[in-house]
Amino acid sequence: MAKKFSKLRAGMSADAQVKAQAKAQAMLQEMPLQELRLARGLSQQTLAEVLQVQQPAIAKMEKRTDMYLSTLRNHIRAMGGELDIIARFPDGEVRIQNFAEPDEEPLTHSA
């Protein structure tokens, strides 16, 4: 018989629980669009309806390795998020503001 994950986790040592939580957070910070959509509990059909496109367009977009930033921004917004473009350098990070929409207020970010 299958056990609930919460019971399995409760049986883990505190150190193992901390390590598992850290690994889960790391995995959530880097994922392809398809996995992000699934993690948000959305189907391709639901996302297609929000974006007013056909479901095959979502499948095609999730397989692309290159797309317009506006397309990616709309996709992320349809999932309830916001897209930020961050350049990382050895001495700090910079949020690139060129890609903000005209009606958006640019955010300041110190490096």
C-alpha atoms as a PDB file:
ATOM      1  CA  MET A   1       0.000   0.000   0.000  1.00  0.00           C
ATOM      2  CA  ALA A   2       1.271   3.476  -0.853  1.00  0.00           C
ATOM      3  CA  LYS A   3       2.233   5.825   1.945  1.00  0.00           C
ATOM      4  CA  LYS A   4       1.548   9.537   2.016  1.00  0.00           C
ATOM      5  CA  PHE A   5       4.629  11.650   1.388  1.00  0.00           C
ATOM      6  CA  SER A   6       3.910  13.686   4.533  1.00  0.00           C
ATOM      7  CA  LYS A   7       4.275  10.492   6.632  1.00  0.00           C
ATOM      8  CA  LEU A   8       7.498   9.556   4.852  1.00  0.00           C
ATOM      9  CA  ARG A   9       8.882  13.071   5.352  1.00  0.00           C
ATOM     10  CA  ALA A  10       7.946  13.007   9.038  1.00  0.00           C
ATOM     11  CA  GLY A  11      10.067   9.868   9.418  1.00  0.00           C
ATOM     12  CA  MET A  12      13.129  11.574   7.930  1.00  0.00           C
ATOM     13  CA  SER A  13      15.824  13.115  10.108  1.00  0.00           C
ATOM     14  CA  ALA A  14      15.757  16.902  10.468  1.00  0.00           C
ATOM     15  CA  ASP A  15      18.952  17.133   8.392  1.00  0.00           C
ATOM     16  CA  ALA A  16      17.448  15.000   5.612  1.00  0.00           C
ATOM     17  CA  GLN A  17      14.293  17.158   5.626  1.00  0.00           C
ATOM     18  CA  VAL A  18      16.370  20.342   5.264  1.00  0.00           C
ATOM     19  CA  LYS A  19      18.386  18.816   2.402  1.00  0.00           C
ATOM     20  CA  ALA A  20      15.219  17.607   0.636  1.00  0.00           C
ATOM     21  CA  GLN A  21      13.614  21.047   0.968  1.00  0.00           C
ATOM     22  CA  ALA A  22      16.744  22.763  -0.409  1.00  0.00           C
ATOM     23  CA  LYS A  23      16.862  20.369  -3.375  1.00  0.00           C
ATOM     24  CA  ALA A  24      13.158  20.919  -4.083  1.00  0.00           C
ATOM     25  CA  GLN A  25      13.645  24.713  -4.036  1.00  0.00           C
ATOM     26  CA  ALA A  26      16.635  24.459  -6.382  1.00  0.00           C
ATOM     27  CA  MET A  27      14.608  22.333  -8.792  1.00  0.00           C
ATOM     28  CA  LEU A  28      11.745  24.840  -8.726  1.00  0.00           C
ATOM     29  CA  GLN A  29      14.092  27.710  -9.601  1.00  0.00           C
ATOM     30  CA  GLU A  30      15.149  26.142 -12.905  1.00  0.00           C
ATOM     31  CA  MET A  31      12.657  24.388 -15.136  1.00  0.00           C
ATOM     32  CA  PRO A  32      11.449  24.353 -18.728  1.00  0.00           C
ATOM     33  CA  LEU A  33       8.158  26.073 -19.587  1.00  0.00           C
ATOM     34  CA  GLN A  34       6.286  22.770 -19.762  1.00  0.00           C
ATOM     35  CA  GLU A  35       7.344  21.792 -16.237  1.00  0.00           C
ATOM     36  CA  LEU A  36       6.554  25.295 -14.976  1.00  0.00           C
ATOM     37  CA  ARG A  37       3.063  25.060 -16.475  1.00  0.00           C
ATOM     38  CA  LEU A  38       2.535  21.658 -14.859  1.00  0.00           C
ATOM     39  CA  ALA A  39       3.869  22.897 -11.506  1.00  0.00           C
ATOM     40  CA  ARG A  40       1.321  25.727 -11.695  1.00  0.00           C
ATOM     41  CA  GLY A  41      -1.413  23.134 -12.237  1.00  0.00           C
ATOM     42  CA  LEU A  42      -2.321  24.307 -15.740  1.00  0.00           C
ATOM     43  CA  SER A  43      -3.100  22.232 -18.816  1.00  0.00           C
ATOM     44  CA  GLN A  44      -2.021  23.247 -22.305  1.00  0.00           C
ATOM     45  CA  GLN A  45      -5.694  23.710 -23.158  1.00  0.00           C
ATOM     46  CA  THR A  46      -6.308  26.067 -20.223  1.00  0.00           C
ATOM     47  CA  LEU A  47      -3.245  28.124 -21.094  1.00  0.00           C
ATOM     48  CA  ALA A  48      -4.315  28.218 -24.743  1.00  0.00           C
ATOM     49  CA  GLU A  49      -7.726  29.578 -23.722  1.00  0.00           C
ATOM     50  CA  VAL A  50      -6.130  32.332 -21.612  1.00  0.00           C
ATOM     51  CA  LEU A  51      -3.783  33.279 -24.470  1.00  0.00           C
ATOM     52  CA  GLN A  52      -6.574  32.916 -27.054  1.00  0.00           C
ATOM     53  CA  VAL A  53      -4.612  30.470 -29.193  1.00  0.00           C
ATOM     54  CA  GLN A  54      -5.063  26.810 -30.127  1.00  0.00           C
ATOM     55  CA  GLN A  55      -3.609  24.108 -27.851  1.00  0.00           C
ATOM     56  CA  PRO A  56      -1.020  22.968 -30.472  1.00  0.00           C
ATOM     57  CA  ALA A  57       0.490  26.482 -30.347  1.00  0.00           C
ATOM     58  CA  ILE A  58       1.218  25.971 -26.637  1.00  0.00           C
ATOM     59  CA  ALA A  59       2.822  22.580 -27.310  1.00  0.00           C
ATOM     60  CA  LYS A  60       4.982  24.124 -30.037  1.00  0.00           C
ATOM     61  CA  MET A  61       6.009  27.079 -27.852  1.00  0.00           C
ATOM     62  CA  GLU A  62       7.033  24.786 -24.988  1.00  0.00           C
ATOM     63  CA  LYS A  63       9.436  22.965 -27.323  1.00  0.00           C
ATOM     64  CA  ARG A  64      11.067  26.111 -28.717  1.00  0.00           C
ATOM     65  CA  THR A  65      14.547  27.132 -27.653  1.00  0.00           C
ATOM     66  CA  ASP A  66      14.240  30.622 -29.145  1.00  0.00           C
ATOM     67  CA  MET A  67      11.282  33.017 -29.038  1.00  0.00           C
ATOM     68  CA  TYR A  68      10.376  36.682 -28.795  1.00  0.00           C
ATOM     69  CA  LEU A  69      10.515  38.150 -25.310  1.00  0.00           C
ATOM     70  CA  SER A  70       6.962  39.453 -25.762  1.00  0.00           C
ATOM     71  CA  THR A  71       5.788  35.886 -26.446  1.00  0.00           C
ATOM     72  CA  LEU A  72       7.559  34.583 -23.359  1.00  0.00           C
ATOM     73  CA  ARG A  73       6.237  37.502 -21.267  1.00  0.00           C
ATOM     74  CA  ASN A  74       2.651  36.754 -22.353  1.00  0.00           C
ATOM     75  CA  HIS A  75       3.121  33.054 -21.626  1.00  0.00           C
ATOM     76  CA  ILE A  76       4.438  33.765 -18.114  1.00  0.00           C
ATOM     77  CA  ARG A  77       1.649  36.279 -17.414  1.00  0.00           C
ATOM     78  CA  ALA A  78      -0.956  33.726 -18.515  1.00  0.00           C
ATOM     79  CA  MET A  79       0.421  31.489 -15.746  1.00  0.00           C
ATOM     80  CA  GLY A  80       0.082  34.330 -13.226  1.00  0.00           C
ATOM     81  CA  GLY A  81       3.698  35.485 -13.186  1.00  0.00           C
ATOM     82  CA  GLU A  82       5.869  38.355 -14.371  1.00  0.00           C
ATOM     83  CA  LEU A  83       9.001  38.107 -16.509  1.00  0.00           C
ATOM     84  CA  ASP A  84      12.181  39.908 -15.461  1.00  0.00           C
ATOM     85  CA  ILE A  85      15.403  39.874 -17.478  1.00  0.00           C
ATOM     86  CA  ILE A  86      18.421  39.815 -15.157  1.00  0.00           C
ATOM     87  CA  ALA A  87      22.058  39.981 -16.272  1.00  0.00           C
ATOM     88  CA  ARG A  88      24.405  38.349 -13.751  1.00  0.00           C
ATOM     89  CA  PHE A  89      28.024  39.462 -13.455  1.00  0.00           C
ATOM     90  CA  PRO A  90      30.734  38.496 -10.963  1.00  0.00           C
ATOM     91  CA  ASP A  91      30.218  41.809  -9.144  1.00  0.00           C
ATOM     92  CA  GLY A  92      26.405  41.869  -9.097  1.00  0.00           C
ATOM     93  CA  GLU A  93      23.113  41.636 -10.965  1.00  0.00           C
ATOM     94  CA  VAL A  94      21.387  44.169 -13.211  1.00  0.00           C
ATOM     95  CA  ARG A  95      17.728  44.094 -14.243  1.00  0.00           C
ATOM     96  CA  ILE A  96      17.543  44.943 -17.939  1.00  0.00           C
ATOM     97  CA  GLN A  97      14.778  47.507 -18.411  1.00  0.00           C
ATOM     98  CA  ASN A  98      14.757  47.808 -22.221  1.00  0.00           C
ATOM     99  CA  PHE A  99      12.191  45.032 -22.410  1.00  0.00           C
ATOM    100  CA  ALA A 100       9.607  46.562 -20.075  1.00  0.00           C
ATOM    101  CA  GLU A 101       6.319  47.451 -21.695  1.00  0.00           C
ATOM    102  CA  PRO A 102       5.704  51.184 -22.231  1.00  0.00           C
ATOM    103  CA  ASP A 103       3.084  51.362 -19.461  1.00  0.00           C
ATOM    104  CA  GLU A 104       5.273  49.572 -16.894  1.00  0.00           C
ATOM    105  CA  GLU A 105       7.136  51.507 -14.234  1.00  0.00           C
ATOM    106  CA  PRO A 106      10.806  50.396 -14.367  1.00  0.00           C
ATOM    107  CA  LEU A 107      12.059  48.849 -11.134  1.00  0.00           C
ATOM    108  CA  THR A 108      15.374  49.956  -9.749  1.00  0.00           C
ATOM    109  CA  HIS A 109      17.821  47.253  -8.698  1.00  0.00           C
ATOM    110  CA  SER A 110      21.176  47.921  -7.150  1.00  0.00           C
ATOM    111  CA  ALA A 111      24.075  45.689  -8.074  1.00  0.00           C
END
